[in-house]
Amino acid sequence: MNDVMTATPSTHVDDLQRIALKVFLTDDSNLDARDVIPVFHRWIQTQAVDGLLIDVADYSHLPTGPSVLLVAHEGQYALDRTEGRLGLQYTRTRPLGGSLAEKLERIGRTLVQAARLLETDATLPGPVQFAGNEIACVANDRLLAPNTTETLTAFRPGLETFLRRLSGGSDWSLTQETDPSAPFGVMAQAPTPATLDTIASRLAAPLDA
């Protein structure tokens, strides 16, 4: 962690909104951002994923960041290439109730549903598969969640509760974004590989299962 990170501890993580989760393509996957553009347009036509879907934006010419964006009233789906790693990200932009762990679970369900649709889309040349043991989480709120060690301390319990749901109880390693000027972000990795189908089953199970 970066020693420069100093700020008042964040004690309001349950008030956070604008949270993003991202899953990453496996090394043997083959997905061109431009191939996803007609897929996202078809999702709008068929309302294939959660939310009131509005429009598609093409940023595939950019070397990093969002390559293709599917804008919904409640949030944004993005085929994202931040730091050169291609994956699918969902950012919730409308308020959600509940604890941080409950918000992450709802966002996670939305993301996993969309990623599974890409994995099984017959129009994509493929193969397309997302790793279920690595997930990035970003909180786009510099007031409630400055990128500090104190924020990680406050954020960790809710994040770990959510992550244990994904892994069936196993622990994850957490690595915080080190740039103090960047939004608060954490990369989470689990030691055991998992498919999105497995993760979806775990998220669908009752909390006390």
C-alpha atoms as a PDB file:
ATOM      1  CA  MET A   1       0.000   0.000   0.000  1.00  0.00           C
ATOM      2  CA  ASN A   2       1.072   3.538  -0.665  1.00  0.00           C
ATOM      3  CA  ASP A   3       2.480   5.367   2.363  1.00  0.00           C
ATOM      4  CA  VAL A   4       1.152   8.653   0.930  1.00  0.00           C
ATOM      5  CA  MET A   5      -2.436   7.568   1.648  1.00  0.00           C
ATOM      6  CA  THR A   6      -3.651   9.580   4.637  1.00  0.00           C
ATOM      7  CA  ALA A   7      -7.192  10.794   5.242  1.00  0.00           C
ATOM      8  CA  THR A   8     -10.032  10.696   7.694  1.00  0.00           C
ATOM      9  CA  PRO A   9     -11.343   7.121   8.030  1.00  0.00           C
ATOM     10  CA  SER A  10     -14.408   6.350   5.938  1.00  0.00           C
ATOM     11  CA  THR A  11     -17.226   5.224   8.224  1.00  0.00           C
ATOM     12  CA  HIS A  12     -20.072   5.510   5.733  1.00  0.00           C
ATOM     13  CA  VAL A  13     -19.405   2.687   3.289  1.00  0.00           C
ATOM     14  CA  ASP A  14     -23.016   1.505   3.519  1.00  0.00           C
ATOM     15  CA  ASP A  15     -24.008   4.885   2.027  1.00  0.00           C
ATOM     16  CA  LEU A  16     -21.858   4.324  -1.055  1.00  0.00           C
ATOM     17  CA  GLN A  17     -23.435   4.308  -4.499  1.00  0.00           C
ATOM     18  CA  ARG A  18     -21.781   4.298  -7.963  1.00  0.00           C
ATOM     19  CA  ILE A  19     -19.999   1.016  -7.295  1.00  0.00           C
ATOM     20  CA  ALA A  20     -18.449  -0.926 -10.179  1.00  0.00           C
ATOM     21  CA  LEU A  21     -17.553  -4.609 -10.427  1.00  0.00           C
ATOM     22  CA  LYS A  22     -15.505  -6.165 -13.234  1.00  0.00           C
ATOM     23  CA  VAL A  23     -14.740  -9.745 -14.253  1.00  0.00           C
ATOM     24  CA  PHE A  24     -11.888 -10.578 -16.604  1.00  0.00           C
ATOM     25  CA  LEU A  25     -11.600 -12.737 -19.704  1.00  0.00           C
ATOM     26  CA  THR A  26      -9.467 -15.850 -19.390  1.00  0.00           C
ATOM     27  CA  ASP A  27      -6.159 -15.972 -21.270  1.00  0.00           C
ATOM     28  CA  ASP A  28      -7.500 -18.370 -23.895  1.00  0.00           C
ATOM     29  CA  SER A  29     -10.543 -16.220 -24.705  1.00  0.00           C
ATOM     30  CA  ASN A  30     -10.850 -14.376 -28.000  1.00  0.00           C
ATOM     31  CA  LEU A  31     -13.092 -11.321 -28.009  1.00  0.00           C
ATOM     32  CA  ASP A  32     -12.888  -8.249 -30.228  1.00  0.00           C
ATOM     33  CA  ALA A  33     -14.628  -5.193 -28.789  1.00  0.00           C
ATOM     34  CA  ARG A  34     -16.211  -4.396 -32.160  1.00  0.00           C
ATOM     35  CA  ASP A  35     -17.932  -7.788 -32.187  1.00  0.00           C
ATOM     36  CA  VAL A  36     -19.774  -6.836 -29.006  1.00  0.00           C
ATOM     37  CA  ILE A  37     -21.406  -3.732 -30.496  1.00  0.00           C
ATOM     38  CA  PRO A  38     -24.190  -5.641 -32.345  1.00  0.00           C
ATOM     39  CA  VAL A  39     -24.619  -7.878 -29.297  1.00  0.00           C
ATOM     40  CA  PHE A  40     -25.278  -4.878 -27.063  1.00  0.00           C
ATOM     41  CA  HIS A  41     -27.718  -3.453 -29.618  1.00  0.00           C
ATOM     42  CA  ARG A  42     -29.552  -6.786 -29.629  1.00  0.00           C
ATOM     43  CA  TRP A  43     -29.697  -6.726 -25.841  1.00  0.00           C
ATOM     44  CA  ILE A  44     -31.484  -3.370 -26.076  1.00  0.00           C
ATOM     45  CA  GLN A  45     -33.999  -4.780 -28.574  1.00  0.00           C
ATOM     46  CA  THR A  46     -34.717  -7.870 -26.486  1.00  0.00           C
ATOM     47  CA  GLN A  47     -34.169  -6.344 -22.994  1.00  0.00           C
ATOM     48  CA  ALA A  48     -31.825  -9.257 -22.384  1.00  0.00           C
ATOM     49  CA  VAL A  49     -30.191  -7.894 -19.207  1.00  0.00           C
ATOM     50  CA  ASP A  50     -31.282  -5.967 -16.142  1.00  0.00           C
ATOM     51  CA  GLY A  51     -32.223  -2.314 -16.448  1.00  0.00           C
ATOM     52  CA  LEU A  52     -33.904   0.077 -18.845  1.00  0.00           C
ATOM     53  CA  LEU A  53     -31.403  -0.137 -21.713  1.00  0.00           C
ATOM     54  CA  ILE A  54     -30.878   3.077 -23.649  1.00  0.00           C
ATOM     55  CA  ASP A  55     -27.917   3.244 -26.044  1.00  0.00           C
ATOM     56  CA  VAL A  56     -24.544   1.855 -27.118  1.00  0.00           C
ATOM     57  CA  ALA A  57     -21.347   3.915 -27.377  1.00  0.00           C
ATOM     58  CA  ASP A  58     -18.305   2.742 -29.327  1.00  0.00           C
ATOM     59  CA  TYR A  59     -14.895   3.638 -27.877  1.00  0.00           C
ATOM     60  CA  SER A  60     -13.086   0.642 -29.387  1.00  0.00           C
ATOM     61  CA  HIS A  61     -10.491   2.933 -30.979  1.00  0.00           C
ATOM     62  CA  LEU A  62      -9.136   3.841 -27.545  1.00  0.00           C
ATOM     63  CA  PRO A  63      -6.215   1.758 -26.212  1.00  0.00           C
ATOM     64  CA  THR A  64      -7.489   1.672 -22.619  1.00  0.00           C
ATOM     65  CA  GLY A  65     -10.649   2.265 -20.613  1.00  0.00           C
ATOM     66  CA  PRO A  66     -14.182   1.404 -21.803  1.00  0.00           C
ATOM     67  CA  SER A  67     -14.178  -0.046 -25.339  1.00  0.00           C
ATOM     68  CA  VAL A  68     -17.939  -0.490 -25.780  1.00  0.00           C
ATOM     69  CA  LEU A  69     -20.523   0.981 -23.426  1.00  0.00           C
ATOM     70  CA  LEU A  70     -24.124  -0.129 -22.977  1.00  0.00           C
ATOM     71  CA  VAL A  71     -25.951   2.630 -21.141  1.00  0.00           C
ATOM     72  CA  ALA A  72     -28.972   1.819 -18.988  1.00  0.00           C
ATOM     73  CA  HIS A  73     -31.079   4.017 -16.745  1.00  0.00           C
ATOM     74  CA  GLU A  74     -29.806   2.209 -13.636  1.00  0.00           C
ATOM     75  CA  GLY A  75     -26.187   1.704 -14.627  1.00  0.00           C
ATOM     76  CA  GLN A  76     -23.632   1.032 -17.346  1.00  0.00           C
ATOM     77  CA  TYR A  77     -22.290  -2.171 -18.855  1.00  0.00           C
ATOM     78  CA  ALA A  78     -18.826  -1.802 -20.369  1.00  0.00           C
ATOM     79  CA  LEU A  79     -16.439  -4.043 -22.218  1.00  0.00           C
ATOM     80  CA  ASP A  80     -13.472  -2.481 -20.478  1.00  0.00           C
ATOM     81  CA  ARG A  81      -9.735  -2.519 -21.238  1.00  0.00           C
ATOM     82  CA  THR A  82      -8.412  -0.516 -18.285  1.00  0.00           C
ATOM     83  CA  GLU A  83      -4.696  -1.230 -17.716  1.00  0.00           C
ATOM     84  CA  GLY A  84      -4.753  -3.456 -20.802  1.00  0.00           C
ATOM     85  CA  ARG A  85      -6.943  -6.178 -19.275  1.00  0.00           C
ATOM     86  CA  LEU A  86     -10.154  -6.889 -21.139  1.00  0.00           C
ATOM     87  CA  GLY A  87     -13.225  -7.707 -19.107  1.00  0.00           C
ATOM     88  CA  LEU A  88     -16.868  -6.859 -18.510  1.00  0.00           C
ATOM     89  CA  GLN A  89     -17.696  -4.178 -15.971  1.00  0.00           C
ATOM     90  CA  TYR A  90     -21.029  -3.097 -14.542  1.00  0.00           C
ATOM     91  CA  THR A  91     -21.286   0.251 -12.778  1.00  0.00           C
ATOM     92  CA  ARG A  92     -24.425   0.977 -10.794  1.00  0.00           C
ATOM     93  CA  THR A  93     -25.300   4.671 -11.167  1.00  0.00           C
ATOM     94  CA  ARG A  94     -28.731   4.798  -9.497  1.00  0.00           C
ATOM     95  CA  PRO A  95     -29.119   4.463  -5.711  1.00  0.00           C
ATOM     96  CA  LEU A  96     -29.466   1.050  -4.099  1.00  0.00           C
ATOM     97  CA  GLY A  97     -30.686   0.351  -0.581  1.00  0.00           C
ATOM     98  CA  GLY A  98     -29.170  -2.071   1.892  1.00  0.00           C
ATOM     99  CA  SER A  99     -25.744  -2.702   3.332  1.00  0.00           C
ATOM    100  CA  LEU A 100     -22.553  -2.593   1.273  1.00  0.00           C
ATOM    101  CA  ALA A 101     -22.522  -6.408   1.050  1.00  0.00           C
ATOM    102  CA  GLU A 102     -26.141  -6.424  -0.172  1.00  0.00           C
ATOM    103  CA  LYS A 103     -25.392  -3.774  -2.795  1.00  0.00           C
ATOM    104  CA  LEU A 104     -22.353  -5.694  -4.027  1.00  0.00           C
ATOM    105  CA  GLU A 105     -24.432  -8.868  -4.293  1.00  0.00           C
ATOM    106  CA  ARG A 106     -27.087  -7.155  -6.421  1.00  0.00           C
ATOM    107  CA  ILE A 107     -24.445  -5.580  -8.659  1.00  0.00           C
ATOM    108  CA  GLY A 108     -22.649  -8.918  -8.848  1.00  0.00           C
ATOM    109  CA  ARG A 109     -25.781 -10.742  -9.973  1.00  0.00           C
ATOM    110  CA  THR A 110     -26.330  -8.169 -12.723  1.00  0.00           C
ATOM    111  CA  LEU A 111     -22.728  -8.433 -13.897  1.00  0.00           C
ATOM    112  CA  VAL A 112     -22.637 -12.231 -13.858  1.00  0.00           C
ATOM    113  CA  GLN A 113     -25.895 -12.464 -15.792  1.00  0.00           C
ATOM    114  CA  ALA A 114     -24.492 -10.245 -18.565  1.00  0.00           C
ATOM    115  CA  ALA A 115     -21.115 -11.980 -18.658  1.00  0.00           C
ATOM    116  CA  ARG A 116     -22.755 -15.408 -18.965  1.00  0.00           C
ATOM    117  CA  LEU A 117     -24.767 -14.133 -21.935  1.00  0.00           C
ATOM    118  CA  LEU A 118     -21.525 -13.137 -23.662  1.00  0.00           C
ATOM    119  CA  GLU A 119     -20.019 -16.548 -22.908  1.00  0.00           C
ATOM    120  CA  THR A 120     -22.909 -18.318 -24.642  1.00  0.00           C
ATOM    121  CA  ASP A 121     -23.537 -15.886 -27.523  1.00  0.00           C
ATOM    122  CA  ALA A 122     -23.328 -17.912 -30.740  1.00  0.00           C
ATOM    123  CA  THR A 123     -22.675 -14.805 -32.871  1.00  0.00           C
ATOM    124  CA  LEU A 124     -19.298 -14.180 -31.238  1.00  0.00           C
ATOM    125  CA  PRO A 125     -16.332 -15.983 -32.844  1.00  0.00           C
ATOM    126  CA  GLY A 126     -15.119 -17.035 -29.393  1.00  0.00           C
ATOM    127  CA  PRO A 127     -14.100 -18.721 -27.307  1.00  0.00           C
ATOM    128  CA  VAL A 128     -15.359 -16.341 -24.618  1.00  0.00           C
ATOM    129  CA  GLN A 129     -14.972 -17.206 -20.949  1.00  0.00           C
ATOM    130  CA  PHE A 130     -14.633 -15.102 -17.823  1.00  0.00           C
ATOM    131  CA  ALA A 131     -12.548 -16.077 -14.812  1.00  0.00           C
ATOM    132  CA  GLY A 132     -14.647 -16.525 -11.703  1.00  0.00           C
ATOM    133  CA  ASN A 133     -11.789 -16.188  -9.230  1.00  0.00           C
ATOM    134  CA  GLU A 134     -10.740 -12.607  -9.955  1.00  0.00           C
ATOM    135  CA  ILE A 135     -12.895  -9.505  -9.625  1.00  0.00           C
ATOM    136  CA  ALA A 136     -12.194  -5.788  -9.459  1.00  0.00           C
ATOM    137  CA  CYS A 137     -14.277  -3.428  -7.340  1.00  0.00           C
ATOM    138  CA  VAL A 138     -14.217   0.373  -7.651  1.00  0.00           C
ATOM    139  CA  ALA A 139     -16.107   2.940  -5.576  1.00  0.00           C
ATOM    140  CA  ASN A 140     -16.510   6.148  -7.557  1.00  0.00           C
ATOM    141  CA  ASP A 141     -17.064   8.451  -4.600  1.00  0.00           C
ATOM    142  CA  ARG A 142     -13.998  10.374  -3.455  1.00  0.00           C
ATOM    143  CA  LEU A 143     -15.880  11.945  -0.531  1.00  0.00           C
ATOM    144  CA  LEU A 144     -17.215   8.773   1.115  1.00  0.00           C
ATOM    145  CA  ALA A 145     -14.438   6.522  -0.192  1.00  0.00           C
ATOM    146  CA  PRO A 146     -11.121   8.319  -0.691  1.00  0.00           C
ATOM    147  CA  ASN A 147      -8.373   5.983  -1.821  1.00  0.00           C
ATOM    148  CA  THR A 148      -6.849   5.448   1.625  1.00  0.00           C
ATOM    149  CA  THR A 149      -5.971   2.565   3.908  1.00  0.00           C
ATOM    150  CA  GLU A 150      -8.763   3.705   6.241  1.00  0.00           C
ATOM    151  CA  THR A 151     -11.316   3.237   3.478  1.00  0.00           C
ATOM    152  CA  LEU A 152     -10.045  -0.282   2.861  1.00  0.00           C
ATOM    153  CA  THR A 153     -10.451  -1.050   6.561  1.00  0.00           C
ATOM    154  CA  ALA A 154     -14.056   0.162   6.500  1.00  0.00           C
ATOM    155  CA  PHE A 155     -14.819  -1.433   3.114  1.00  0.00           C
ATOM    156  CA  ARG A 156     -13.256  -4.834   3.777  1.00  0.00           C
ATOM    157  CA  PRO A 157     -15.991  -6.505   5.912  1.00  0.00           C
ATOM    158  CA  GLY A 158     -18.764  -5.891   3.377  1.00  0.00           C
ATOM    159  CA  LEU A 159     -16.555  -6.800   0.428  1.00  0.00           C
ATOM    160  CA  GLU A 160     -15.338 -10.002   2.064  1.00  0.00           C
ATOM    161  CA  THR A 161     -18.905 -11.031   2.939  1.00  0.00           C
ATOM    162  CA  PHE A 162     -19.821 -10.682  -0.741  1.00  0.00           C
ATOM    163  CA  LEU A 163     -16.676 -12.434  -1.975  1.00  0.00           C
ATOM    164  CA  ARG A 164     -17.189 -15.424   0.298  1.00  0.00           C
ATOM    165  CA  ARG A 165     -20.583 -15.864  -1.365  1.00  0.00           C
ATOM    166  CA  LEU A 166     -18.838 -16.055  -4.725  1.00  0.00           C
ATOM    167  CA  SER A 167     -16.260 -18.604  -3.588  1.00  0.00           C
ATOM    168  CA  GLY A 168     -18.425 -20.796  -1.376  1.00  0.00           C
ATOM    169  CA  GLY A 169     -16.752 -19.588   1.807  1.00  0.00           C
ATOM    170  CA  SER A 170     -13.113 -19.430   0.701  1.00  0.00           C
ATOM    171  CA  ASP A 171     -10.978 -16.402   1.482  1.00  0.00           C
ATOM    172  CA  TRP A 172      -9.792 -13.934  -1.164  1.00  0.00           C
ATOM    173  CA  SER A 173      -6.612 -11.869  -1.300  1.00  0.00           C
ATOM    174  CA  LEU A 174      -7.210  -8.119  -1.674  1.00  0.00           C
ATOM    175  CA  THR A 175      -4.887  -5.639  -3.385  1.00  0.00           C
ATOM    176  CA  GLN A 176      -5.738  -1.953  -3.139  1.00  0.00           C
ATOM    177  CA  GLU A 177      -5.153   0.566  -5.927  1.00  0.00           C
ATOM    178  CA  THR A 178      -1.907   2.326  -4.953  1.00  0.00           C
ATOM    179  CA  ASP A 179      -2.418   5.672  -6.709  1.00  0.00           C
ATOM    180  CA  PRO A 180      -3.840   8.034  -4.058  1.00  0.00           C
ATOM    181  CA  SER A 181      -5.327  10.259  -6.776  1.00  0.00           C
ATOM    182  CA  ALA A 182      -7.312   7.365  -8.306  1.00  0.00           C
ATOM    183  CA  PRO A 183     -10.767   6.249  -7.154  1.00  0.00           C
ATOM    184  CA  PHE A 184     -10.767   3.681  -4.365  1.00  0.00           C
ATOM    185  CA  GLY A 185     -10.369   0.270  -5.945  1.00  0.00           C
ATOM    186  CA  VAL A 186      -9.573  -3.283  -4.889  1.00  0.00           C
ATOM    187  CA  MET A 187      -8.504  -6.298  -6.908  1.00  0.00           C
ATOM    188  CA  ALA A 188      -9.730  -9.534  -5.322  1.00  0.00           C
ATOM    189  CA  GLN A 189      -8.332 -12.961  -6.161  1.00  0.00           C
ATOM    190  CA  ALA A 190      -9.373 -16.402  -4.944  1.00  0.00           C
ATOM    191  CA  PRO A 191      -6.966 -19.373  -5.035  1.00  0.00           C
ATOM    192  CA  THR A 192      -9.440 -21.780  -6.660  1.00  0.00           C
ATOM    193  CA  PRO A 193     -10.744 -21.312 -10.230  1.00  0.00           C
ATOM    194  CA  ALA A 194     -14.508 -21.064 -10.697  1.00  0.00           C
ATOM    195  CA  THR A 195     -16.859 -20.656 -13.623  1.00  0.00           C
ATOM    196  CA  LEU A 196     -19.523 -17.980 -13.782  1.00  0.00           C
ATOM    197  CA  ASP A 197     -22.141 -20.740 -13.802  1.00  0.00           C
ATOM    198  CA  THR A 198     -20.858 -21.847 -10.398  1.00  0.00           C
ATOM    199  CA  ILE A 199     -20.843 -18.284  -9.100  1.00  0.00           C
ATOM    200  CA  ALA A 200     -24.386 -17.687 -10.360  1.00  0.00           C
ATOM    201  CA  SER A 201     -25.548 -20.804  -8.496  1.00  0.00           C
ATOM    202  CA  ARG A 202     -23.919 -19.596  -5.302  1.00  0.00           C
ATOM    203  CA  LEU A 203     -25.499 -16.155  -5.585  1.00  0.00           C
ATOM    204  CA  ALA A 204     -28.895 -17.756  -6.184  1.00  0.00           C
ATOM    205  CA  ALA A 205     -28.659 -19.863  -3.022  1.00  0.00           C
ATOM    206  CA  PRO A 206     -30.273 -18.571   0.203  1.00  0.00           C
ATOM    207  CA  LEU A 207     -27.929 -16.619   2.443  1.00  0.00           C
ATOM    208  CA  ASP A 208     -28.088 -19.287   5.141  1.00  0.00           C
ATOM    209  CA  ALA A 209     -27.485 -22.180   2.708  1.00  0.00           C
END
